Amino acid sequence: MNKLHPLALGLSFGAVWALAVFILGLVSLWGWGTSLVSSLSSLYIGYTSTFGGACIGALWAFIDGFVGGFLVAWIYNKIITTYP
């Protein structure tokens, strides 16, 4: 089985999640997805339905996605080396 590169998976998860959160923050300016922005703002400090808030949310989302992707790859690699 092939191993995953934790840094690469972390960066890709972080970039995709940050882009999604940023776009959600922008479209919430027109009233779409405001309840989801409100929910995510309880996790991401400073995330609001403004351009600046969308940027702050994207930064938090990148960190969150990076850590999640890194951990997924790291755990996967540990499992496949333990149980080949």
PDB file of N, CA and C in Angstrom:
ATOM      1  N   MET A   1       0.844  -1.190   0.000  1.00  0.00           N
ATOM      2  CA  MET A   1       0.000   0.000   0.000  1.00  0.00           C
ATOM      3  C   MET A   1       0.885   1.248   0.000  1.00  0.00           C
ATOM      4  N   ASN A   2       0.389   2.266  -0.611  1.00  0.00           N
ATOM      5  CA  ASN A   2       1.124   3.518  -0.677  1.00  0.00           C
ATOM      6  C   ASN A   2       0.871   4.354   0.566  1.00  0.00           C
ATOM      7  N   LYS A   3       1.902   5.064   0.967  1.00  0.00           N
ATOM      8  CA  LYS A   3       1.753   5.991   2.083  1.00  0.00           C
ATOM      9  C   LYS A   3       1.273   7.345   1.573  1.00  0.00           C
ATOM     10  N   LEU A   4       0.611   8.066   2.450  1.00  0.00           N
ATOM     11  CA  LEU A   4       0.184   9.426   2.146  1.00  0.00           C
ATOM     12  C   LEU A   4       1.216  10.402   2.697  1.00  0.00           C
ATOM     13  N   HIS A   5       1.391  11.516   2.040  1.00  0.00           N
ATOM     14  CA  HIS A   5       2.303  12.550   2.523  1.00  0.00           C
ATOM     15  C   HIS A   5       1.497  13.507   3.405  1.00  0.00           C
ATOM     16  N   PRO A   6       1.735  13.501   4.719  1.00  0.00           N
ATOM     17  CA  PRO A   6       0.912  14.305   5.631  1.00  0.00           C
ATOM     18  C   PRO A   6       0.913  15.801   5.317  1.00  0.00           C
ATOM     19  N   LEU A   7       2.056  16.355   4.952  1.00  0.00           N
ATOM     20  CA  LEU A   7       2.115  17.781   4.652  1.00  0.00           C
ATOM     21  C   LEU A   7       1.289  18.121   3.410  1.00  0.00           C
ATOM     22  N   ALA A   8       1.404  17.288   2.382  1.00  0.00           N
ATOM     23  CA  ALA A   8       0.654  17.543   1.147  1.00  0.00           C
ATOM     24  C   ALA A   8      -0.849  17.419   1.384  1.00  0.00           C
ATOM     25  N   LEU A   9      -1.270  16.403   2.119  1.00  0.00           N
ATOM     26  CA  LEU A   9      -2.698  16.240   2.378  1.00  0.00           C
ATOM     27  C   LEU A   9      -3.210  17.362   3.268  1.00  0.00           C
ATOM     28  N   GLY A  10      -2.413  17.769   4.242  1.00  0.00           N
ATOM     29  CA  GLY A  10      -2.800  18.886   5.103  1.00  0.00           C
ATOM     30  C   GLY A  10      -2.967  20.176   4.324  1.00  0.00           C
ATOM     31  N   LEU A  11      -2.030  20.458   3.432  1.00  0.00           N
ATOM     32  CA  LEU A  11      -2.126  21.673   2.621  1.00  0.00           C
ATOM     33  C   LEU A  11      -3.325  21.638   1.682  1.00  0.00           C
ATOM     34  N   SER A  12      -3.590  20.477   1.092  1.00  0.00           N
ATOM     35  CA  SER A  12      -4.726  20.401   0.165  1.00  0.00           C
ATOM     36  C   SER A  12      -6.052  20.482   0.909  1.00  0.00           C
ATOM     37  N   PHE A  13      -6.196  19.795   2.033  1.00  0.00           N
ATOM     38  CA  PHE A  13      -7.424  19.909   2.834  1.00  0.00           C
ATOM     39  C   PHE A  13      -7.614  21.343   3.305  1.00  0.00           C
ATOM     40  N   GLY A  14      -6.533  21.966   3.779  1.00  0.00           N
ATOM     41  CA  GLY A  14      -6.612  23.337   4.259  1.00  0.00           C
ATOM     42  C   GLY A  14      -7.016  24.309   3.174  1.00  0.00           C
ATOM     43  N   ALA A  15      -6.452  24.159   1.995  1.00  0.00           N
ATOM     44  CA  ALA A  15      -6.772  25.077   0.893  1.00  0.00           C
ATOM     45  C   ALA A  15      -8.221  24.926   0.446  1.00  0.00           C
ATOM     46  N   VAL A  16      -8.684  23.693   0.335  1.00  0.00           N
ATOM     47  CA  VAL A  16     -10.062  23.469  -0.117  1.00  0.00           C
ATOM     48  C   VAL A  16     -11.059  23.986   0.913  1.00  0.00           C
ATOM     49  N   TRP A  17     -10.822  23.694   2.189  1.00  0.00           N
ATOM     50  CA  TRP A  17     -11.751  24.133   3.228  1.00  0.00           C
ATOM     51  C   TRP A  17     -11.721  25.659   3.375  1.00  0.00           C
ATOM     52  N   ALA A  18     -10.550  26.271   3.271  1.00  0.00           N
ATOM     53  CA  ALA A  18     -10.452  27.727   3.365  1.00  0.00           C
ATOM     54  C   ALA A  18     -11.204  28.392   2.218  1.00  0.00           C
ATOM     55  N   LEU A  19     -11.077  27.855   1.018  1.00  0.00           N
ATOM     56  CA  LEU A  19     -11.792  28.419  -0.129  1.00  0.00           C
ATOM     57  C   LEU A  19     -13.305  28.297   0.059  1.00  0.00           C
ATOM     58  N   ALA A  20     -13.752  27.149   0.551  1.00  0.00           N
ATOM     59  CA  ALA A  20     -15.186  26.951   0.770  1.00  0.00           C
ATOM     60  C   ALA A  20     -15.734  27.916   1.822  1.00  0.00           C
ATOM     61  N   VAL A  21     -15.010  28.091   2.904  1.00  0.00           N
ATOM     62  CA  VAL A  21     -15.458  28.995   3.966  1.00  0.00           C
ATOM     63  C   VAL A  21     -15.422  30.441   3.483  1.00  0.00           C
ATOM     64  N   PHE A  22     -14.417  30.805   2.701  1.00  0.00           N
ATOM     65  CA  PHE A  22     -14.334  32.157   2.168  1.00  0.00           C
ATOM     66  C   PHE A  22     -15.510  32.448   1.237  1.00  0.00           C
ATOM     67  N   ILE A  23     -15.791  31.531   0.320  1.00  0.00           N
ATOM     68  CA  ILE A  23     -16.913  31.720  -0.610  1.00  0.00           C
ATOM     69  C   ILE A  23     -18.227  31.785   0.150  1.00  0.00           C
ATOM     70  N   LEU A  24     -18.389  30.935   1.159  1.00  0.00           N
ATOM     71  CA  LEU A  24     -19.603  30.980   1.976  1.00  0.00           C
ATOM     72  C   LEU A  24     -19.744  32.339   2.659  1.00  0.00           C
ATOM     73  N   GLY A  25     -18.643  32.877   3.166  1.00  0.00           N
ATOM     74  CA  GLY A  25     -18.691  34.195   3.788  1.00  0.00           C
ATOM     75  C   GLY A  25     -19.101  35.283   2.818  1.00  0.00           C
ATOM     76  N   LEU A  26     -18.645  35.170   1.572  1.00  0.00           N
ATOM     77  CA  LEU A  26     -19.008  36.176   0.570  1.00  0.00           C
ATOM     78  C   LEU A  26     -20.460  36.052   0.126  1.00  0.00           C
ATOM     79  N   VAL A  27     -20.939  34.827  -0.115  1.00  0.00           N
ATOM     80  CA  VAL A  27     -22.323  34.688  -0.567  1.00  0.00           C
ATOM     81  C   VAL A  27     -23.304  34.989   0.558  1.00  0.00           C
ATOM     82  N   SER A  28     -22.858  34.919   1.796  1.00  0.00           N
ATOM     83  CA  SER A  28     -23.756  35.263   2.905  1.00  0.00           C
ATOM     84  C   SER A  28     -24.031  36.766   2.946  1.00  0.00           C
ATOM     85  N   LEU A  29     -23.241  37.560   2.226  1.00  0.00           N
ATOM     86  CA  LEU A  29     -23.522  38.993   2.118  1.00  0.00           C
ATOM     87  C   LEU A  29     -24.861  39.236   1.440  1.00  0.00           C
ATOM     88  N   TRP A  30     -25.286  38.287   0.579  1.00  0.00           N
ATOM     89  CA  TRP A  30     -26.562  38.405  -0.127  1.00  0.00           C
ATOM     90  C   TRP A  30     -27.662  37.566   0.521  1.00  0.00           C
ATOM     91  N   GLY A  31     -27.406  37.070   1.728  1.00  0.00           N
ATOM     92  CA  GLY A  31     -28.432  36.366   2.476  1.00  0.00           C
ATOM     93  C   GLY A  31     -28.436  34.853   2.327  1.00  0.00           C
ATOM     94  N   TRP A  32     -27.519  34.293   1.567  1.00  0.00           N
ATOM     95  CA  TRP A  32     -27.464  32.844   1.388  1.00  0.00           C
ATOM     96  C   TRP A  32     -26.502  32.246   2.407  1.00  0.00           C
ATOM     97  N   GLY A  33     -26.938  31.239   3.134  1.00  0.00           N
ATOM     98  CA  GLY A  33     -26.058  30.536   4.067  1.00  0.00           C
ATOM     99  C   GLY A  33     -25.743  31.278   5.339  1.00  0.00           C
ATOM    100  N   THR A  34     -26.571  32.228   5.712  1.00  0.00           N
ATOM    101  CA  THR A  34     -26.270  33.016   6.915  1.00  0.00           C
ATOM    102  C   THR A  34     -26.321  32.171   8.187  1.00  0.00           C
ATOM    103  N   SER A  35     -27.203  31.175   8.227  1.00  0.00           N
ATOM    104  CA  SER A  35     -27.260  30.331   9.425  1.00  0.00           C
ATOM    105  C   SER A  35     -26.005  29.471   9.548  1.00  0.00           C
ATOM    106  N   LEU A  36     -25.437  29.039   8.421  1.00  0.00           N
ATOM    107  CA  LEU A  36     -24.196  28.272   8.465  1.00  0.00           C
ATOM    108  C   LEU A  36     -23.025  29.158   8.885  1.00  0.00           C
ATOM    109  N   VAL A  37     -23.000  30.386   8.399  1.00  0.00           N
ATOM    110  CA  VAL A  37     -21.962  31.331   8.832  1.00  0.00           C
ATOM    111  C   VAL A  37     -22.081  31.579  10.329  1.00  0.00           C
ATOM    112  N   SER A  38     -23.301  31.714  10.804  1.00  0.00           N
ATOM    113  CA  SER A  38     -23.521  31.917  12.234  1.00  0.00           C
ATOM    114  C   SER A  38     -23.020  30.724  13.042  1.00  0.00           C
ATOM    115  N   SER A  39     -23.272  29.529  12.558  1.00  0.00           N
ATOM    116  CA  SER A  39     -22.796  28.330  13.258  1.00  0.00           C
ATOM    117  C   SER A  39     -21.272  28.246  13.246  1.00  0.00           C
ATOM    118  N   LEU A  40     -20.672  28.497  12.088  1.00  0.00           N
ATOM    119  CA  LEU A  40     -19.217  28.429  11.996  1.00  0.00           C
ATOM    120  C   LEU A  40     -18.538  29.542  12.789  1.00  0.00           C
ATOM    121  N   SER A  41     -19.230  30.661  12.967  1.00  0.00           N
ATOM    122  CA  SER A  41     -18.624  31.758  13.725  1.00  0.00           C
ATOM    123  C   SER A  41     -18.467  31.396  15.196  1.00  0.00           C
ATOM    124  N   SER A  42     -19.187  30.382  15.663  1.00  0.00           N
ATOM    125  CA  SER A  42     -18.976  29.930  17.034  1.00  0.00           C
ATOM    126  C   SER A  42     -17.678  29.132  17.160  1.00  0.00           C
ATOM    127  N   LEU A  43     -17.162  28.627  16.037  1.00  0.00           N
ATOM    128  CA  LEU A  43     -15.890  27.908  16.031  1.00  0.00           C
ATOM    129  C   LEU A  43     -14.727  28.799  15.604  1.00  0.00           C
ATOM    130  N   TYR A  44     -14.964  29.646  14.610  1.00  0.00           N
ATOM    131  CA  TYR A  44     -13.922  30.490  14.043  1.00  0.00           C
ATOM    132  C   TYR A  44     -14.125  31.927  14.518  1.00  0.00           C
ATOM    133  N   ILE A  45     -13.301  32.352  15.444  1.00  0.00           N
ATOM    134  CA  ILE A  45     -13.415  33.683  16.047  1.00  0.00           C
ATOM    135  C   ILE A  45     -13.202  34.747  14.975  1.00  0.00           C
ATOM    136  N   GLY A  46     -14.149  35.669  14.846  1.00  0.00           N
ATOM    137  CA  GLY A  46     -14.040  36.762  13.888  1.00  0.00           C
ATOM    138  C   GLY A  46     -14.693  36.493  12.555  1.00  0.00           C
ATOM    139  N   TYR A  47     -15.233  35.302  12.349  1.00  0.00           N
ATOM    140  CA  TYR A  47     -15.876  34.957  11.079  1.00  0.00           C
ATOM    141  C   TYR A  47     -17.273  35.560  11.039  1.00  0.00           C
ATOM    142  N   THR A  48     -17.480  36.469  10.110  1.00  0.00           N
ATOM    143  CA  THR A  48     -18.774  37.143   9.961  1.00  0.00           C
ATOM    144  C   THR A  48     -19.120  37.266   8.478  1.00  0.00           C
ATOM    145  N   SER A  49     -20.280  37.792   8.215  1.00  0.00           N
ATOM    146  CA  SER A  49     -20.752  37.984   6.835  1.00  0.00           C
ATOM    147  C   SER A  49     -20.235  39.288   6.251  1.00  0.00           C
ATOM    148  N   THR A  50     -18.942  39.509   6.308  1.00  0.00           N
ATOM    149  CA  THR A  50     -18.289  40.653   5.690  1.00  0.00           C
ATOM    150  C   THR A  50     -17.063  40.143   4.936  1.00  0.00           C
ATOM    151  N   PHE A  51     -16.480  40.992   4.102  1.00  0.00           N
ATOM    152  CA  PHE A  51     -15.283  40.573   3.377  1.00  0.00           C
ATOM    153  C   PHE A  51     -14.145  40.272   4.347  1.00  0.00           C
ATOM    154  N   GLY A  52     -13.950  41.153   5.321  1.00  0.00           N
ATOM    155  CA  GLY A  52     -12.907  40.926   6.322  1.00  0.00           C
ATOM    156  C   GLY A  52     -13.174  39.685   7.155  1.00  0.00           C
ATOM    157  N   GLY A  53     -14.438  39.493   7.512  1.00  0.00           N
ATOM    158  CA  GLY A  53     -14.807  38.303   8.271  1.00  0.00           C
ATOM    159  C   GLY A  53     -14.600  37.031   7.473  1.00  0.00           C
ATOM    160  N   ALA A  54     -14.861  37.093   6.167  1.00  0.00           N
ATOM    161  CA  ALA A  54     -14.628  35.933   5.309  1.00  0.00           C
ATOM    162  C   ALA A  54     -13.140  35.600   5.235  1.00  0.00           C
ATOM    163  N   CYS A  55     -12.297  36.625   5.209  1.00  0.00           N
ATOM    164  CA  CYS A  55     -10.842  36.403   5.197  1.00  0.00           C
ATOM    165  C   CYS A  55     -10.377  35.772   6.508  1.00  0.00           C
ATOM    166  N   ILE A  56     -10.895  36.266   7.626  1.00  0.00           N
ATOM    167  CA  ILE A  56     -10.540  35.709   8.930  1.00  0.00           C
ATOM    168  C   ILE A  56     -11.019  34.260   9.025  1.00  0.00           C
ATOM    169  N   GLY A  57     -12.241  34.018   8.579  1.00  0.00           N
ATOM    170  CA  GLY A  57     -12.767  32.658   8.589  1.00  0.00           C
ATOM    171  C   GLY A  57     -11.957  31.726   7.714  1.00  0.00           C
ATOM    172  N   ALA A  58     -11.501  32.212   6.564  1.00  0.00           N
ATOM    173  CA  ALA A  58     -10.686  31.398   5.670  1.00  0.00           C
ATOM    174  C   ALA A  58      -9.351  31.037   6.320  1.00  0.00           C
ATOM    175  N   LEU A  59      -8.784  31.963   7.059  1.00  0.00           N
ATOM    176  CA  LEU A  59      -7.533  31.671   7.766  1.00  0.00           C
ATOM    177  C   LEU A  59      -7.735  30.582   8.813  1.00  0.00           C
ATOM    178  N   TRP A  60      -8.785  30.729   9.613  1.00  0.00           N
ATOM    179  CA  TRP A  60      -9.106  29.697  10.612  1.00  0.00           C
ATOM    180  C   TRP A  60      -9.388  28.364   9.928  1.00  0.00           C
ATOM    181  N   ALA A  61     -10.130  28.393   8.830  1.00  0.00           N
ATOM    182  CA  ALA A  61     -10.488  27.171   8.123  1.00  0.00           C
ATOM    183  C   ALA A  61      -9.250  26.493   7.541  1.00  0.00           C
ATOM    184  N   PHE A  62      -8.295  27.282   7.053  1.00  0.00           N
ATOM    185  CA  PHE A  62      -7.064  26.689   6.538  1.00  0.00           C
ATOM    186  C   PHE A  62      -6.324  25.947   7.644  1.00  0.00           C
ATOM    187  N   ILE A  63      -6.216  26.584   8.798  1.00  0.00           N
ATOM    188  CA  ILE A  63      -5.538  25.938   9.929  1.00  0.00           C
ATOM    189  C   ILE A  63      -6.274  24.658  10.328  1.00  0.00           C
ATOM    190  N   ASP A  64      -7.598  24.749  10.423  1.00  0.00           N
ATOM    191  CA  ASP A  64      -8.420  23.606  10.799  1.00  0.00           C
ATOM    192  C   ASP A  64      -8.291  22.479   9.772  1.00  0.00           C
ATOM    193  N   GLY A  65      -8.395  22.801   8.490  1.00  0.00           N
ATOM    194  CA  GLY A  65      -8.276  21.801   7.435  1.00  0.00           C
ATOM    195  C   GLY A  65      -6.888  21.200   7.356  1.00  0.00           C
ATOM    196  N   PHE A  66      -5.867  22.031   7.576  1.00  0.00           N
ATOM    197  CA  PHE A  66      -4.491  21.533   7.551  1.00  0.00           C
ATOM    198  C   PHE A  66      -4.266  20.505   8.652  1.00  0.00           C
ATOM    199  N   VAL A  67      -4.676  20.850   9.855  1.00  0.00           N
ATOM    200  CA  VAL A  67      -4.493  19.931  10.983  1.00  0.00           C
ATOM    201  C   VAL A  67      -5.279  18.640  10.745  1.00  0.00           C
ATOM    202  N   GLY A  68      -6.516  18.772  10.266  1.00  0.00           N
ATOM    203  CA  GLY A  68      -7.321  17.590   9.991  1.00  0.00           C
ATOM    204  C   GLY A  68      -6.708  16.704   8.922  1.00  0.00           C
ATOM    205  N   GLY A  69      -6.280  17.286   7.816  1.00  0.00           N
ATOM    206  CA  GLY A  69      -5.660  16.516   6.740  1.00  0.00           C
ATOM    207  C   GLY A  69      -4.354  15.876   7.165  1.00  0.00           C
ATOM    208  N   PHE A  70      -3.557  16.609   7.912  1.00  0.00           N
ATOM    209  CA  PHE A  70      -2.288  16.080   8.409  1.00  0.00           C
ATOM    210  C   PHE A  70      -2.532  14.867   9.300  1.00  0.00           C
ATOM    211  N   LEU A  71      -3.499  14.998  10.213  1.00  0.00           N
ATOM    212  CA  LEU A  71      -3.796  13.889  11.126  1.00  0.00           C
ATOM    213  C   LEU A  71      -4.366  12.678  10.391  1.00  0.00           C
ATOM    214  N   VAL A  72      -5.206  12.904   9.399  1.00  0.00           N
ATOM    215  CA  VAL A  72      -5.745  11.789   8.614  1.00  0.00           C
ATOM    216  C   VAL A  72      -4.605  11.023   7.948  1.00  0.00           C
ATOM    217  N   ALA A  73      -3.671  11.716   7.311  1.00  0.00           N
ATOM    218  CA  ALA A  73      -2.556  11.053   6.635  1.00  0.00           C
ATOM    219  C   ALA A  73      -1.638  10.361   7.636  1.00  0.00           C
ATOM    220  N   TRP A  74      -1.365  11.012   8.738  1.00  0.00           N
ATOM    221  CA  TRP A  74      -0.470  10.440   9.754  1.00  0.00           C
ATOM    222  C   TRP A  74      -1.066   9.160  10.341  1.00  0.00           C
ATOM    223  N   ILE A  75      -2.346   9.200  10.696  1.00  0.00           N
ATOM    224  CA  ILE A  75      -3.007   8.020  11.254  1.00  0.00           C
ATOM    225  C   ILE A  75      -3.085   6.908  10.212  1.00  0.00           C
ATOM    226  N   TYR A  76      -3.426   7.255   8.976  1.00  0.00           N
ATOM    227  CA  TYR A  76      -3.482   6.273   7.895  1.00  0.00           C
ATOM    228  C   TYR A  76      -2.128   5.583   7.731  1.00  0.00           C
ATOM    229  N   ASN A  77      -1.044   6.363   7.713  1.00  0.00           N
ATOM    230  CA  ASN A  77       0.292   5.789   7.559  1.00  0.00           C
ATOM    231  C   ASN A  77       0.650   4.879   8.726  1.00  0.00           C
ATOM    232  N   LYS A  78       0.253   5.245   9.934  1.00  0.00           N
ATOM    233  CA  LYS A  78       0.512   4.397  11.105  1.00  0.00           C
ATOM    234  C   LYS A  78      -0.245   3.077  10.997  1.00  0.00           C
ATOM    235  N   ILE A  79      -1.480   3.137  10.519  1.00  0.00           N
ATOM    236  CA  ILE A  79      -2.290   1.928  10.416  1.00  0.00           C
ATOM    237  C   ILE A  79      -1.739   0.985   9.349  1.00  0.00           C
ATOM    238  N   ILE A  80      -1.370   1.527   8.178  1.00  0.00           N
ATOM    239  CA  ILE A  80      -0.900   0.615   7.119  1.00  0.00           C
ATOM    240  C   ILE A  80       0.480   0.046   7.411  1.00  0.00           C
ATOM    241  N   THR A  81       1.291   0.704   8.242  1.00  0.00           N
ATOM    242  CA  THR A  81       2.578   0.119   8.598  1.00  0.00           C
ATOM    243  C   THR A  81       2.426  -0.897   9.732  1.00  0.00           C
ATOM    244  N   THR A  82       1.383  -0.747  10.529  1.00  0.00           N
ATOM    245  CA  THR A  82       1.138  -1.688  11.621  1.00  0.00           C
ATOM    246  C   THR A  82       0.473  -2.957  11.107  1.00  0.00           C
ATOM    247  N   TYR A  83      -0.481  -2.789  10.195  1.00  0.00           N
ATOM    248  CA  TYR A  83      -1.240  -3.917   9.641  1.00  0.00           C
ATOM    249  C   TYR A  83      -1.096  -3.962   8.119  1.00  0.00           C
ATOM    250  N   PRO A  84       0.049  -4.470   7.635  1.00  0.00           N
ATOM    251  CA  PRO A  84       0.250  -4.475   6.174  1.00  0.00           C
ATOM    252  C   PRO A  84      -0.627  -5.432   5.526  1.00  0.00           C
TER     253      PRO A  84
END
